[in-house]
Amino acid sequence: MIVRPDAEVLVHRLPPDGRAFAAAVQAGAPLGEAAEAGIAAAASFDFGGNLVGLFQAGAVVGLSAATLSEPYA
């Protein structure tokens, strides 16, 4: 994963489950669906560790909440 916090280019190597999770998040999937992608890639997927990793890497630039009109899966 390549990120540019403060215009500095940083490269982070992700495990297969982390790549699946990050790709789903980047595509706009809700966190639950992104976690399912990570679990599908590896049964040992660590949701908390991967989520914290995205924040620590500076890969998260915004959050949005589901509205009441959106169904919960």
C-alpha atoms as a PDB file:
ATOM      1  CA  MET A   1       0.000   0.000   0.000  1.00  0.00           C
ATOM      2  CA  ILE A   2       1.369   3.412  -0.922  1.00  0.00           C
ATOM      3  CA  VAL A   3       0.305   6.433   1.120  1.00  0.00           C
ATOM      4  CA  ARG A   4       1.399  10.070   1.063  1.00  0.00           C
ATOM      5  CA  PRO A   5       0.822  11.625   4.481  1.00  0.00           C
ATOM      6  CA  ASP A   6       2.206  15.160   4.508  1.00  0.00           C
ATOM      7  CA  ALA A   7       3.445  14.656   0.891  1.00  0.00           C
ATOM      8  CA  GLU A   8       5.968  12.002   2.002  1.00  0.00           C
ATOM      9  CA  VAL A   9       5.644   8.770  -0.001  1.00  0.00           C
ATOM     10  CA  LEU A  10       5.514   5.684   2.226  1.00  0.00           C
ATOM     11  CA  VAL A  11       5.198   2.058   1.129  1.00  0.00           C
ATOM     12  CA  HIS A  12       3.620  -0.526   3.450  1.00  0.00           C
ATOM     13  CA  ARG A  13       3.605  -4.266   2.791  1.00  0.00           C
ATOM     14  CA  LEU A  14       0.231  -5.820   3.637  1.00  0.00           C
ATOM     15  CA  PRO A  15      -0.567  -9.484   4.250  1.00  0.00           C
ATOM     16  CA  PRO A  16      -3.116 -11.082   1.865  1.00  0.00           C
ATOM     17  CA  ASP A  17      -5.998 -10.568   4.299  1.00  0.00           C
ATOM     18  CA  GLY A  18      -4.922  -6.956   4.832  1.00  0.00           C
ATOM     19  CA  ARG A  19      -4.832  -6.362   1.077  1.00  0.00           C
ATOM     20  CA  ALA A  20      -8.361  -7.709   0.666  1.00  0.00           C
ATOM     21  CA  PHE A  21      -9.608  -5.589   3.575  1.00  0.00           C
ATOM     22  CA  ALA A  22      -7.856  -2.410   2.383  1.00  0.00           C
ATOM     23  CA  ALA A  23      -9.074  -2.889  -1.199  1.00  0.00           C
ATOM     24  CA  ALA A  24     -12.662  -3.278   0.004  1.00  0.00           C
ATOM     25  CA  VAL A  25     -12.399  -0.173   2.205  1.00  0.00           C
ATOM     26  CA  GLN A  26     -10.865   1.790  -0.666  1.00  0.00           C
ATOM     27  CA  ALA A  27     -13.743   0.703  -2.919  1.00  0.00           C
ATOM     28  CA  GLY A  28     -16.203   2.177  -0.403  1.00  0.00           C
ATOM     29  CA  ALA A  29     -17.452  -1.032   1.189  1.00  0.00           C
ATOM     30  CA  PRO A  30     -18.897  -0.761   4.699  1.00  0.00           C
ATOM     31  CA  LEU A  31     -16.495  -2.018   7.371  1.00  0.00           C
ATOM     32  CA  GLY A  32     -18.513  -5.217   7.872  1.00  0.00           C
ATOM     33  CA  GLU A  33     -18.228  -6.127   4.199  1.00  0.00           C
ATOM     34  CA  ALA A  34     -14.541  -5.195   4.176  1.00  0.00           C
ATOM     35  CA  ALA A  35     -13.993  -7.442   7.192  1.00  0.00           C
ATOM     36  CA  GLU A  36     -15.741 -10.288   5.369  1.00  0.00           C
ATOM     37  CA  ALA A  37     -13.305  -9.800   2.480  1.00  0.00           C
ATOM     38  CA  GLY A  38     -10.402 -10.050   4.909  1.00  0.00           C
ATOM     39  CA  ILE A  39     -11.833 -13.186   6.517  1.00  0.00           C
ATOM     40  CA  ALA A  40     -12.372 -14.730   3.074  1.00  0.00           C
ATOM     41  CA  ALA A  41      -8.682 -14.114   2.326  1.00  0.00           C
ATOM     42  CA  ALA A  42      -7.500 -15.643   5.620  1.00  0.00           C
ATOM     43  CA  ALA A  43      -9.432 -17.163   8.507  1.00  0.00           C
ATOM     44  CA  SER A  44      -6.900 -15.570  10.889  1.00  0.00           C
ATOM     45  CA  PHE A  45      -7.865 -12.047   9.733  1.00  0.00           C
ATOM     46  CA  ASP A  46      -7.376  -9.490  12.530  1.00  0.00           C
ATOM     47  CA  PHE A  47     -10.023  -6.806  12.016  1.00  0.00           C
ATOM     48  CA  GLY A  48      -8.807  -4.511  14.780  1.00  0.00           C
ATOM     49  CA  GLY A  49      -5.170  -4.788  13.807  1.00  0.00           C
ATOM     50  CA  ASN A  50      -5.893  -4.074  10.155  1.00  0.00           C
ATOM     51  CA  LEU A  51      -8.202  -1.151  10.924  1.00  0.00           C
ATOM     52  CA  VAL A  52      -5.648   0.421  13.262  1.00  0.00           C
ATOM     53  CA  GLY A  53      -2.967  -0.202  10.630  1.00  0.00           C
ATOM     54  CA  LEU A  54      -4.902   1.805   8.029  1.00  0.00           C
ATOM     55  CA  PHE A  55      -5.246   4.724  10.445  1.00  0.00           C
ATOM     56  CA  GLN A  56      -1.599   4.559  11.546  1.00  0.00           C
ATOM     57  CA  ALA A  57      -0.438   4.501   7.920  1.00  0.00           C
ATOM     58  CA  GLY A  58      -2.467   7.624   7.174  1.00  0.00           C
ATOM     59  CA  ALA A  59      -4.597   5.740   4.648  1.00  0.00           C
ATOM     60  CA  VAL A  60      -7.923   6.884   6.121  1.00  0.00           C
ATOM     61  CA  VAL A  61      -8.958  10.326   4.914  1.00  0.00           C
ATOM     62  CA  GLY A  62     -12.620  10.349   5.915  1.00  0.00           C
ATOM     63  CA  LEU A  63     -15.478   8.416   7.453  1.00  0.00           C
ATOM     64  CA  SER A  64     -19.184   8.335   6.796  1.00  0.00           C
ATOM     65  CA  ALA A  65     -21.991   6.836   8.821  1.00  0.00           C
ATOM     66  CA  ALA A  66     -24.798   4.740   7.413  1.00  0.00           C
ATOM     67  CA  THR A  67     -28.111   6.540   7.279  1.00  0.00           C
ATOM     68  CA  LEU A  68     -31.315   5.100   8.645  1.00  0.00           C
ATOM     69  CA  SER A  69     -32.552   4.516   5.100  1.00  0.00           C
ATOM     70  CA  GLU A  70     -29.646   2.136   4.402  1.00  0.00           C
ATOM     71  CA  PRO A  71     -30.341  -1.491   5.341  1.00  0.00           C
ATOM     72  CA  TYR A  72     -28.021  -3.226   7.760  1.00  0.00           C
ATOM     73  CA  ALA A  73     -26.620  -6.546   6.576  1.00  0.00           C
END
